């Protein structure tokens, strides 16, 4: 899956990744950002998410477009064992694109 951050130069964009828990046990994930431009992306609400049974949880990813070239990184969500249950490791490709430039 690819999450695209598109907007004007210097814009800050927040995307939300929705995680569903179909099980009757709690799931917990740690999020890390890796890759060439990983330092330009951030997790403003922290890098852990706990998802109650049969509910959903969210991970926010924030990016400020600082350059004209596309930025790329990978969001990796690894499961923490809670209630003896491990969730699948999830990966998302993060890419940016400048749609227009507004004079400052």
PDB file of N, CA and C in Angstrom:
ATOM      1  N   UNK A   1       0.837  -1.188   0.000  1.00  0.00           N
ATOM      2  CA  UNK A   1       0.000   0.000   0.000  1.00  0.00           C
ATOM      3  C   UNK A   1       0.876   1.244   0.000  1.00  0.00           C
ATOM      4  N   UNK A   2       0.451   2.247  -0.742  1.00  0.00           N
ATOM      5  CA  UNK A   2       1.180   3.506  -0.806  1.00  0.00           C
ATOM      6  C   UNK A   2       0.307   4.618  -0.243  1.00  0.00           C
ATOM      7  N   UNK A   3       0.916   5.435   0.609  1.00  0.00           N
ATOM      8  CA  UNK A   3       0.241   6.609   1.156  1.00  0.00           C
ATOM      9  C   UNK A   3       0.901   7.821   0.513  1.00  0.00           C
ATOM     10  N   UNK A   4       0.111   8.633  -0.183  1.00  0.00           N
ATOM     11  CA  UNK A   4       0.645   9.782  -0.913  1.00  0.00           C
ATOM     12  C   UNK A   4       0.372  11.073  -0.151  1.00  0.00           C
ATOM     13  N   UNK A   5       1.411  11.870  -0.028  1.00  0.00           N
ATOM     14  CA  UNK A   5       1.343  13.178   0.604  1.00  0.00           C
ATOM     15  C   UNK A   5       1.500  14.210  -0.510  1.00  0.00           C
ATOM     16  N   UNK A   6       0.396  14.770  -0.973  1.00  0.00           N
ATOM     17  CA  UNK A   6       0.454  15.737  -2.070  1.00  0.00           C
ATOM     18  C   UNK A   6      -0.056  17.079  -1.581  1.00  0.00           C
ATOM     19  N   UNK A   7       0.563  18.128  -2.078  1.00  0.00           N
ATOM     20  CA  UNK A   7       0.160  19.472  -1.682  1.00  0.00           C
ATOM     21  C   UNK A   7       1.142  20.495  -2.206  1.00  0.00           C
ATOM     22  N   UNK A   8       1.048  21.698  -1.677  1.00  0.00           N
ATOM     23  CA  UNK A   8       1.939  22.765  -2.109  1.00  0.00           C
ATOM     24  C   UNK A   8       3.236  22.737  -1.301  1.00  0.00           C
ATOM     25  N   UNK A   9       4.264  23.321  -1.872  1.00  0.00           N
ATOM     26  CA  UNK A   9       5.559  23.406  -1.215  1.00  0.00           C
ATOM     27  C   UNK A   9       5.390  24.071   0.148  1.00  0.00           C
ATOM     28  N   UNK A  10       5.975  23.534   1.178  1.00  0.00           N
ATOM     29  CA  UNK A  10       5.955  23.994   2.573  1.00  0.00           C
ATOM     30  C   UNK A  10       4.658  23.647   3.308  1.00  0.00           C
ATOM     31  N   UNK A  11       3.739  22.946   2.664  1.00  0.00           N
ATOM     32  CA  UNK A  11       2.501  22.532   3.339  1.00  0.00           C
ATOM     33  C   UNK A  11       2.790  21.354   4.260  1.00  0.00           C
ATOM     34  N   UNK A  12       2.062  21.283   5.368  1.00  0.00           N
ATOM     35  CA  UNK A  12       2.145  20.146   6.271  1.00  0.00           C
ATOM     36  C   UNK A  12       0.894  19.301   6.076  1.00  0.00           C
ATOM     37  N   UNK A  13       1.115  18.034   5.829  1.00  0.00           N
ATOM     38  CA  UNK A  13       0.021  17.114   5.533  1.00  0.00           C
ATOM     39  C   UNK A  13       0.033  16.006   6.573  1.00  0.00           C
ATOM     40  N   UNK A  14      -1.134  15.670   7.098  1.00  0.00           N
ATOM     41  CA  UNK A  14      -1.275  14.568   8.048  1.00  0.00           C
ATOM     42  C   UNK A  14      -2.176  13.513   7.420  1.00  0.00           C
ATOM     43  N   UNK A  15      -1.707  12.291   7.407  1.00  0.00           N
ATOM     44  CA  UNK A  15      -2.498  11.164   6.917  1.00  0.00           C
ATOM     45  C   UNK A  15      -2.726  10.209   8.077  1.00  0.00           C
ATOM     46  N   UNK A  16      -3.859   9.549   8.046  1.00  0.00           N
ATOM     47  CA  UNK A  16      -4.220   8.627   9.104  1.00  0.00           C
ATOM     48  C   UNK A  16      -4.302   7.210   8.526  1.00  0.00           C
ATOM     49  N   UNK A  17      -3.589   6.282   9.166  1.00  0.00           N
ATOM     50  CA  UNK A  17      -3.630   4.883   8.765  1.00  0.00           C
ATOM     51  C   UNK A  17      -4.585   4.174   9.728  1.00  0.00           C
ATOM     52  N   UNK A  18      -5.630   3.568   9.170  1.00  0.00           N
ATOM     53  CA  UNK A  18      -6.627   2.886   9.995  1.00  0.00           C
ATOM     54  C   UNK A  18      -6.276   1.409  10.088  1.00  0.00           C
ATOM     55  N   UNK A  19      -6.230   0.897  11.298  1.00  0.00           N
ATOM     56  CA  UNK A  19      -5.926  -0.507  11.554  1.00  0.00           C
ATOM     57  C   UNK A  19      -7.139  -1.152  12.197  1.00  0.00           C
ATOM     58  N   UNK A  20      -7.602  -2.244  11.616  1.00  0.00           N
ATOM     59  CA  UNK A  20      -8.764  -2.955  12.154  1.00  0.00           C
ATOM     60  C   UNK A  20      -8.311  -4.192  12.924  1.00  0.00           C
ATOM     61  N   UNK A  21      -9.003  -4.468  14.006  1.00  0.00           N
ATOM     62  CA  UNK A  21      -8.739  -5.658  14.801  1.00  0.00           C
ATOM     63  C   UNK A  21      -9.981  -6.548  14.764  1.00  0.00           C
ATOM     64  N   UNK A  22      -9.965  -7.590  13.923  1.00  0.00           N
ATOM     65  CA  UNK A  22     -11.132  -8.473  13.842  1.00  0.00           C
ATOM     66  C   UNK A  22     -11.182  -9.518  14.959  1.00  0.00           C
ATOM     67  N   UNK A  23     -10.136  -9.609  15.763  1.00  0.00           N
ATOM     68  CA  UNK A  23     -10.030 -10.627  16.809  1.00  0.00           C
ATOM     69  C   UNK A  23     -10.750 -10.222  18.083  1.00  0.00           C
ATOM     70  N   UNK A  24     -10.886 -11.178  18.977  1.00  0.00           N
ATOM     71  CA  UNK A  24     -11.470 -10.915  20.291  1.00  0.00           C
ATOM     72  C   UNK A  24     -10.398 -10.644  21.337  1.00  0.00           C
ATOM     73  N   UNK A  25      -9.178 -10.349  20.889  1.00  0.00           N
ATOM     74  CA  UNK A  25      -8.066 -10.023  21.782  1.00  0.00           C
ATOM     75  C   UNK A  25      -7.511  -8.654  21.417  1.00  0.00           C
ATOM     76  N   UNK A  26      -6.813  -8.053  22.351  1.00  0.00           N
ATOM     77  CA  UNK A  26      -6.179  -6.749  22.108  1.00  0.00           C
ATOM     78  C   UNK A  26      -4.989  -6.931  21.175  1.00  0.00           C
ATOM     79  N   UNK A  27      -4.833  -6.008  20.213  1.00  0.00           N
ATOM     80  CA  UNK A  27      -3.647  -5.962  19.361  1.00  0.00           C
ATOM     81  C   UNK A  27      -2.890  -4.672  19.656  1.00  0.00           C
ATOM     82  N   UNK A  28      -1.574  -4.738  19.628  1.00  0.00           N
ATOM     83  CA  UNK A  28      -0.744  -3.553  19.834  1.00  0.00           C
ATOM     84  C   UNK A  28       0.350  -3.536  18.775  1.00  0.00           C
ATOM     85  N   UNK A  29       0.648  -2.347  18.263  1.00  0.00           N
ATOM     86  CA  UNK A  29       1.667  -2.190  17.228  1.00  0.00           C
ATOM     87  C   UNK A  29       2.648  -1.090  17.591  1.00  0.00           C
ATOM     88  N   UNK A  30       3.912  -1.298  17.205  1.00  0.00           N
ATOM     89  CA  UNK A  30       4.938  -0.255  17.237  1.00  0.00           C
ATOM     90  C   UNK A  30       5.163   0.204  15.810  1.00  0.00           C
ATOM     91  N   UNK A  31       5.246   1.502  15.602  1.00  0.00           N
ATOM     92  CA  UNK A  31       5.457   2.061  14.269  1.00  0.00           C
ATOM     93  C   UNK A  31       6.862   2.643  14.184  1.00  0.00           C
ATOM     94  N   UNK A  32       7.552   2.367  13.073  1.00  0.00           N
ATOM     95  CA  UNK A  32       8.850   2.986  12.809  1.00  0.00           C
ATOM     96  C   UNK A  32       8.867   3.470  11.367  1.00  0.00           C
ATOM     97  N   UNK A  33       9.633   4.511  11.137  1.00  0.00           N
ATOM     98  CA  UNK A  33       9.810   5.074   9.806  1.00  0.00           C
ATOM     99  C   UNK A  33      11.237   4.808   9.366  1.00  0.00           C
ATOM    100  N   UNK A  34      11.419   4.244   8.183  1.00  0.00           N
ATOM    101  CA  UNK A  34      12.747   3.947   7.652  1.00  0.00           C
ATOM    102  C   UNK A  34      12.813   4.416   6.202  1.00  0.00           C
ATOM    103  N   UNK A  35      14.043   4.576   5.717  1.00  0.00           N
ATOM    104  CA  UNK A  35      14.229   4.937   4.319  1.00  0.00           C
ATOM    105  C   UNK A  35      14.949   6.252   4.145  1.00  0.00           C
ATOM    106  N   UNK A  36      15.166   6.591   2.885  1.00  0.00           N
ATOM    107  CA  UNK A  36      15.952   7.767   2.504  1.00  0.00           C
ATOM    108  C   UNK A  36      15.484   9.047   3.190  1.00  0.00           C
ATOM    109  N   UNK A  37      14.192   9.294   3.218  1.00  0.00           N
ATOM    110  CA  UNK A  37      13.661  10.549   3.755  1.00  0.00           C
ATOM    111  C   UNK A  37      12.859  10.350   5.034  1.00  0.00           C
ATOM    112  N   UNK A  38      13.136   9.281   5.759  1.00  0.00           N
ATOM    113  CA  UNK A  38      12.365   8.959   6.970  1.00  0.00           C
ATOM    114  C   UNK A  38      12.380  10.094   7.986  1.00  0.00           C
ATOM    115  N   UNK A  39      13.475  10.852   8.050  1.00  0.00           N
ATOM    116  CA  UNK A  39      13.566  11.941   9.022  1.00  0.00           C
ATOM    117  C   UNK A  39      12.593  13.080   8.723  1.00  0.00           C
ATOM    118  N   UNK A  40      12.085  13.152   7.489  1.00  0.00           N
ATOM    119  CA  UNK A  40      11.151  14.219   7.120  1.00  0.00           C
ATOM    120  C   UNK A  40       9.706  13.870   7.486  1.00  0.00           C
ATOM    121  N   UNK A  41       9.448  12.601   7.810  1.00  0.00           N
ATOM    122  CA  UNK A  41       8.125  12.167   8.241  1.00  0.00           C
ATOM    123  C   UNK A  41       8.136  12.033   9.757  1.00  0.00           C
ATOM    124  N   UNK A  42       6.972  12.167  10.378  1.00  0.00           N
ATOM    125  CA  UNK A  42       6.916  12.007  11.832  1.00  0.00           C
ATOM    126  C   UNK A  42       5.607  11.337  12.242  1.00  0.00           C
ATOM    127  N   UNK A  43       5.602  10.848  13.464  1.00  0.00           N
ATOM    128  CA  UNK A  43       4.433  10.206  14.055  1.00  0.00           C
ATOM    129  C   UNK A  43       4.002  11.083  15.238  1.00  0.00           C
ATOM    130  N   UNK A  44       3.202  12.133  14.986  1.00  0.00           N
ATOM    131  CA  UNK A  44       2.913  13.134  16.019  1.00  0.00           C
ATOM    132  C   UNK A  44       2.172  12.611  17.244  1.00  0.00           C
ATOM    133  N   UNK A  45       1.434  11.520  17.108  1.00  0.00           N
ATOM    134  CA  UNK A  45       0.704  10.981  18.270  1.00  0.00           C
ATOM    135  C   UNK A  45       1.435   9.797  18.889  1.00  0.00           C
ATOM    136  N   UNK A  46       2.720   9.660  18.567  1.00  0.00           N
ATOM    137  CA  UNK A  46       3.511   8.586  19.149  1.00  0.00           C
ATOM    138  C   UNK A  46       3.629   7.400  18.218  1.00  0.00           C
ATOM    139  N   UNK A  47       4.505   6.477  18.597  1.00  0.00           N
ATOM    140  CA  UNK A  47       4.798   5.347  17.716  1.00  0.00           C
ATOM    141  C   UNK A  47       4.162   4.043  18.163  1.00  0.00           C
ATOM    142  N   UNK A  48       3.205   4.100  19.097  1.00  0.00           N
ATOM    143  CA  UNK A  48       2.507   2.881  19.506  1.00  0.00           C
ATOM    144  C   UNK A  48       0.999   3.087  19.376  1.00  0.00           C
ATOM    145  N   UNK A  49       0.323   2.000  19.054  1.00  0.00           N
ATOM    146  CA  UNK A  49      -1.135   2.035  18.985  1.00  0.00           C
ATOM    147  C   UNK A  49      -1.663   0.718  19.540  1.00  0.00           C
ATOM    148  N   UNK A  50      -2.690   0.825  20.383  1.00  0.00           N
ATOM    149  CA  UNK A  50      -3.346  -0.349  20.944  1.00  0.00           C
ATOM    150  C   UNK A  50      -4.767  -0.383  20.405  1.00  0.00           C
ATOM    151  N   UNK A  51      -5.165  -1.542  19.896  1.00  0.00           N
ATOM    152  CA  UNK A  51      -6.472  -1.676  19.266  1.00  0.00           C
ATOM    153  C   UNK A  51      -7.311  -2.663  20.081  1.00  0.00           C
ATOM    154  N   UNK A  52      -8.417  -2.186  20.656  1.00  0.00           N
ATOM    155  CA  UNK A  52      -9.283  -3.079  21.434  1.00  0.00           C
ATOM    156  C   UNK A  52      -9.906  -4.163  20.546  1.00  0.00           C
ATOM    157  N   UNK A  53     -10.390  -5.227  21.149  1.00  0.00           N
ATOM    158  CA  UNK A  53     -11.025  -6.301  20.378  1.00  0.00           C
ATOM    159  C   UNK A  53     -12.157  -5.798  19.485  1.00  0.00           C
ATOM    160  N   UNK A  54     -12.193  -6.267  18.263  1.00  0.00           N
ATOM    161  CA  UNK A  54     -13.204  -5.955  17.233  1.00  0.00           C
ATOM    162  C   UNK A  54     -13.397  -4.457  17.003  1.00  0.00           C
ATOM    163  N   UNK A  55     -12.366  -3.692  17.240  1.00  0.00           N
ATOM    164  CA  UNK A  55     -12.413  -2.232  17.039  1.00  0.00           C
ATOM    165  C   UNK A  55     -11.347  -1.835  16.027  1.00  0.00           C
ATOM    166  N   UNK A  56     -11.094  -0.542  15.937  1.00  0.00           N
ATOM    167  CA  UNK A  56     -10.043  -0.046  15.057  1.00  0.00           C
ATOM    168  C   UNK A  56      -9.191   0.985  15.788  1.00  0.00           C
ATOM    169  N   UNK A  57      -7.971   1.158  15.287  1.00  0.00           N
ATOM    170  CA  UNK A  57      -7.047   2.137  15.831  1.00  0.00           C
ATOM    171  C   UNK A  57      -6.427   2.919  14.688  1.00  0.00           C
ATOM    172  N   UNK A  58      -5.779   4.015  15.011  1.00  0.00           N
ATOM    173  CA  UNK A  58      -5.223   4.882  13.990  1.00  0.00           C
ATOM    174  C   UNK A  58      -3.788   5.263  14.310  1.00  0.00           C
ATOM    175  N   UNK A  59      -2.980   5.365  13.260  1.00  0.00           N
ATOM    176  CA  UNK A  59      -1.620   5.891  13.357  1.00  0.00           C
ATOM    177  C   UNK A  59      -1.570   7.123  12.466  1.00  0.00           C
ATOM    178  N   UNK A  60      -1.205   8.273  13.038  1.00  0.00           N
ATOM    179  CA  UNK A  60      -1.068   9.495  12.251  1.00  0.00           C
ATOM    180  C   UNK A  60       0.356   9.634  11.752  1.00  0.00           C
ATOM    181  N   UNK A  61       0.498   9.983  10.476  1.00  0.00           N
ATOM    182  CA  UNK A  61       1.805  10.243   9.867  1.00  0.00           C
ATOM    183  C   UNK A  61       1.773  11.664   9.338  1.00  0.00           C
ATOM    184  N   UNK A  62       2.778  12.452   9.723  1.00  0.00           N
ATOM    185  CA  UNK A  62       2.841  13.866   9.329  1.00  0.00           C
ATOM    186  C   UNK A  62       4.051  14.107   8.438  1.00  0.00           C
ATOM    187  N   UNK A  63       3.877  14.982   7.457  1.00  0.00           N
ATOM    188  CA  UNK A  63       4.965  15.311   6.536  1.00  0.00           C
ATOM    189  C   UNK A  63       4.836  16.767   6.120  1.00  0.00           C
ATOM    190  N   UNK A  64       5.958  17.500   6.157  1.00  0.00           N
ATOM    191  CA  UNK A  64       6.009  18.867   5.642  1.00  0.00           C
ATOM    192  C   UNK A  64       6.837  18.849   4.369  1.00  0.00           C
ATOM    193  N   UNK A  65       6.231  19.296   3.280  1.00  0.00           N
ATOM    194  CA  UNK A  65       6.912  19.286   1.980  1.00  0.00           C
ATOM    195  C   UNK A  65       7.955  20.403   1.981  1.00  0.00           C
ATOM    196  N   UNK A  66       9.234  20.025   1.995  1.00  0.00           N
ATOM    197  CA  UNK A  66      10.326  20.996   2.060  1.00  0.00           C
ATOM    198  C   UNK A  66      11.101  21.120   0.755  1.00  0.00           C
ATOM    199  N   UNK A  67      10.994  20.107  -0.120  1.00  0.00           N
ATOM    200  CA  UNK A  67      11.776  20.088  -1.354  1.00  0.00           C
ATOM    201  C   UNK A  67      10.869  19.795  -2.544  1.00  0.00           C
ATOM    202  N   UNK A  68      11.328  20.156  -3.731  1.00  0.00           N
ATOM    203  CA  UNK A  68      10.557  19.875  -4.941  1.00  0.00           C
ATOM    204  C   UNK A  68      10.621  18.397  -5.326  1.00  0.00           C
ATOM    205  N   UNK A  69      11.734  17.749  -4.998  1.00  0.00           N
ATOM    206  CA  UNK A  69      11.867  16.330  -5.351  1.00  0.00           C
ATOM    207  C   UNK A  69      10.958  15.494  -4.453  1.00  0.00           C
ATOM    208  N   UNK A  70      10.464  14.373  -4.979  1.00  0.00           N
ATOM    209  CA  UNK A  70       9.612  13.499  -4.158  1.00  0.00           C
ATOM    210  C   UNK A  70      10.386  12.904  -2.977  1.00  0.00           C
ATOM    211  N   UNK A  71       9.742  12.857  -1.841  1.00  0.00           N
ATOM    212  CA  UNK A  71      10.316  12.210  -0.658  1.00  0.00           C
ATOM    213  C   UNK A  71       9.746  10.796  -0.567  1.00  0.00           C
ATOM    214  N   UNK A  72      10.574   9.872  -0.061  1.00  0.00           N
ATOM    215  CA  UNK A  72      10.138   8.482   0.067  1.00  0.00           C
ATOM    216  C   UNK A  72      10.595   7.912   1.406  1.00  0.00           C
ATOM    217  N   UNK A  73       9.733   7.111   1.991  1.00  0.00           N
ATOM    218  CA  UNK A  73      10.057   6.398   3.229  1.00  0.00           C
ATOM    219  C   UNK A  73       9.111   5.208   3.334  1.00  0.00           C
ATOM    220  N   UNK A  74       9.319   4.408   4.363  1.00  0.00           N
ATOM    221  CA  UNK A  74       8.461   3.252   4.607  1.00  0.00           C
ATOM    222  C   UNK A  74       8.018   3.287   6.066  1.00  0.00           C
ATOM    223  N   UNK A  75       6.732   3.082   6.278  1.00  0.00           N
ATOM    224  CA  UNK A  75       6.162   2.947   7.612  1.00  0.00           C
ATOM    225  C   UNK A  75       6.020   1.454   7.883  1.00  0.00           C
ATOM    226  N   UNK A  76       6.663   0.995   8.963  1.00  0.00           N
ATOM    227  CA  UNK A  76       6.591  -0.416   9.339  1.00  0.00           C
ATOM    228  C   UNK A  76       5.882  -0.515  10.684  1.00  0.00           C
ATOM    229  N   UNK A  77       4.854  -1.352  10.733  1.00  0.00           N
ATOM    230  CA  UNK A  77       4.106  -1.591  11.965  1.00  0.00           C
ATOM    231  C   UNK A  77       4.353  -3.029  12.399  1.00  0.00           C
ATOM    232  N   UNK A  78       5.007  -3.181  13.544  1.00  0.00           N
ATOM    233  CA  UNK A  78       5.295  -4.510  14.072  1.00  0.00           C
ATOM    234  C   UNK A  78       4.441  -4.741  15.312  1.00  0.00           C
ATOM    235  N   UNK A  79       3.960  -5.949  15.438  1.00  0.00           N
ATOM    236  CA  UNK A  79       3.048  -6.300  16.515  1.00  0.00           C
ATOM    237  C   UNK A  79       3.788  -6.538  17.823  1.00  0.00           C
ATOM    238  N   UNK A  80       3.173  -6.082  18.913  1.00  0.00           N
ATOM    239  CA  UNK A  80       3.603  -6.434  20.271  1.00  0.00           C
ATOM    240  C   UNK A  80       2.650  -7.508  20.749  1.00  0.00           C
ATOM    241  N   UNK A  81       3.173  -8.530  21.372  1.00  0.00           N
ATOM    242  CA  UNK A  81       2.310  -9.612  21.843  1.00  0.00           C
ATOM    243  C   UNK A  81       1.523  -9.129  23.062  1.00  0.00           C
ATOM    244  N   UNK A  82       0.200  -9.102  22.907  1.00  0.00           N
ATOM    245  CA  UNK A  82      -0.702  -8.755  24.002  1.00  0.00           C
ATOM    246  C   UNK A  82      -1.749  -9.853  24.030  1.00  0.00           C
ATOM    247  N   UNK A  83      -2.103 -10.331  25.190  1.00  0.00           N
ATOM    248  CA  UNK A  83      -3.070 -11.439  25.322  1.00  0.00           C
ATOM    249  C   UNK A  83      -2.604 -12.679  24.560  1.00  0.00           C
ATOM    250  N   UNK A  84      -1.292 -12.822  24.361  1.00  0.00           N
ATOM    251  CA  UNK A  84      -0.759 -13.979  23.655  1.00  0.00           C
ATOM    252  C   UNK A  84      -0.986 -13.971  22.155  1.00  0.00           C
ATOM    253  N   UNK A  85      -1.430 -12.852  21.601  1.00  0.00           N
ATOM    254  CA  UNK A  85      -1.747 -12.763  20.176  1.00  0.00           C
ATOM    255  C   UNK A  85      -0.758 -11.831  19.478  1.00  0.00           C
ATOM    256  N   UNK A  86      -0.221 -12.302  18.354  1.00  0.00           N
ATOM    257  CA  UNK A  86       0.645 -11.489  17.506  1.00  0.00           C
ATOM    258  C   UNK A  86      -0.123 -11.092  16.256  1.00  0.00           C
ATOM    259  N   UNK A  87      -0.064  -9.825  15.900  1.00  0.00           N
ATOM    260  CA  UNK A  87      -0.661  -9.383  14.646  1.00  0.00           C
ATOM    261  C   UNK A  87       0.368  -9.473  13.534  1.00  0.00           C
ATOM    262  N   UNK A  88      -0.093  -9.354  12.307  1.00  0.00           N
ATOM    263  CA  UNK A  88       0.805  -9.383  11.151  1.00  0.00           C
ATOM    264  C   UNK A  88       1.618  -8.100  11.091  1.00  0.00           C
ATOM    265  N   UNK A  89       2.856  -8.198  10.601  1.00  0.00           N
ATOM    266  CA  UNK A  89       3.665  -7.013  10.355  1.00  0.00           C
ATOM    267  C   UNK A  89       3.113  -6.327   9.111  1.00  0.00           C
ATOM    268  N   UNK A  90       2.937  -5.009   9.204  1.00  0.00           N
ATOM    269  CA  UNK A  90       2.353  -4.238   8.107  1.00  0.00           C
ATOM    270  C   UNK A  90       3.367  -3.223   7.604  1.00  0.00           C
ATOM    271  N   UNK A  91       3.412  -3.006   6.289  1.00  0.00           N
ATOM    272  CA  UNK A  91       4.303  -1.993   5.716  1.00  0.00           C
ATOM    273  C   UNK A  91       3.519  -1.112   4.754  1.00  0.00           C
ATOM    274  N   UNK A  92       3.870   0.170   4.761  1.00  0.00           N
ATOM    275  CA  UNK A  92       3.251   1.146   3.873  1.00  0.00           C
ATOM    276  C   UNK A  92       4.346   2.007   3.264  1.00  0.00           C
ATOM    277  N   UNK A  93       4.278   2.197   1.971  1.00  0.00           N
ATOM    278  CA  UNK A  93       5.200   3.083   1.278  1.00  0.00           C
ATOM    279  C   UNK A  93       4.669   4.506   1.404  1.00  0.00           C
ATOM    280  N   UNK A  94       5.549   5.451   1.770  1.00  0.00           N
ATOM    281  CA  UNK A  94       5.173   6.859   1.908  1.00  0.00           C
ATOM    282  C   UNK A  94       5.856   7.649   0.802  1.00  0.00           C
ATOM    283  N   UNK A  95       5.085   8.432   0.055  1.00  0.00           N
ATOM    284  CA  UNK A  95       5.650   9.221  -1.044  1.00  0.00           C
ATOM    285  C   UNK A  95       5.021  10.603  -1.048  1.00  0.00           C
ATOM    286  N   UNK A  96       5.826  11.589  -1.434  1.00  0.00           N
ATOM    287  CA  UNK A  96       5.308  12.950  -1.512  1.00  0.00           C
ATOM    288  C   UNK A  96       5.373  13.458  -2.945  1.00  0.00           C
ATOM    289  N   UNK A  97       4.519  14.429  -3.227  1.00  0.00           N
ATOM    290  CA  UNK A  97       4.533  15.070  -4.529  1.00  0.00           C
ATOM    291  C   UNK A  97       4.083  16.517  -4.361  1.00  0.00           C
ATOM    292  N   UNK A  98       4.852  17.457  -4.946  1.00  0.00           N
ATOM    293  CA  UNK A  98       4.492  18.859  -4.918  1.00  0.00           C
ATOM    294  C   UNK A  98       3.503  19.112  -6.059  1.00  0.00           C
ATOM    295  N   UNK A  99       2.330  19.587  -5.727  1.00  0.00           N
ATOM    296  CA  UNK A  99       1.304  19.863  -6.742  1.00  0.00           C
ATOM    297  C   UNK A  99       1.381  21.296  -7.259  1.00  0.00           C
ATOM    298  N   UNK A 100       1.773  22.217  -6.391  1.00  0.00           N
ATOM    299  CA  UNK A 100       1.946  23.600  -6.836  1.00  0.00           C
ATOM    300  C   UNK A 100       2.803  24.363  -5.822  1.00  0.00           C
ATOM    301  N   UNK A 101       3.267  25.515  -6.269  1.00  0.00           N
ATOM    302  CA  UNK A 101       4.144  26.346  -5.433  1.00  0.00           C
ATOM    303  C   UNK A 101       3.439  27.704  -5.259  1.00  0.00           C
ATOM    304  N   UNK A 102       3.291  28.089  -4.007  1.00  0.00           N
ATOM    305  CA  UNK A 102       2.698  29.383  -3.709  1.00  0.00           C
ATOM    306  C   UNK A 102       3.807  30.326  -3.248  1.00  0.00           C
ATOM    307  N   UNK A 103       3.853  31.543  -3.790  1.00  0.00           N
ATOM    308  CA  UNK A 103       4.892  32.483  -3.347  1.00  0.00           C
ATOM    309  C   UNK A 103       4.719  32.855  -1.880  1.00  0.00           C
ATOM    310  N   UNK A 104       5.843  33.016  -1.193  1.00  0.00           N
ATOM    311  CA  UNK A 104       5.792  33.407   0.214  1.00  0.00           C
ATOM    312  C   UNK A 104       5.924  34.913   0.340  1.00  0.00           C
TER     313      UNK A 104
END
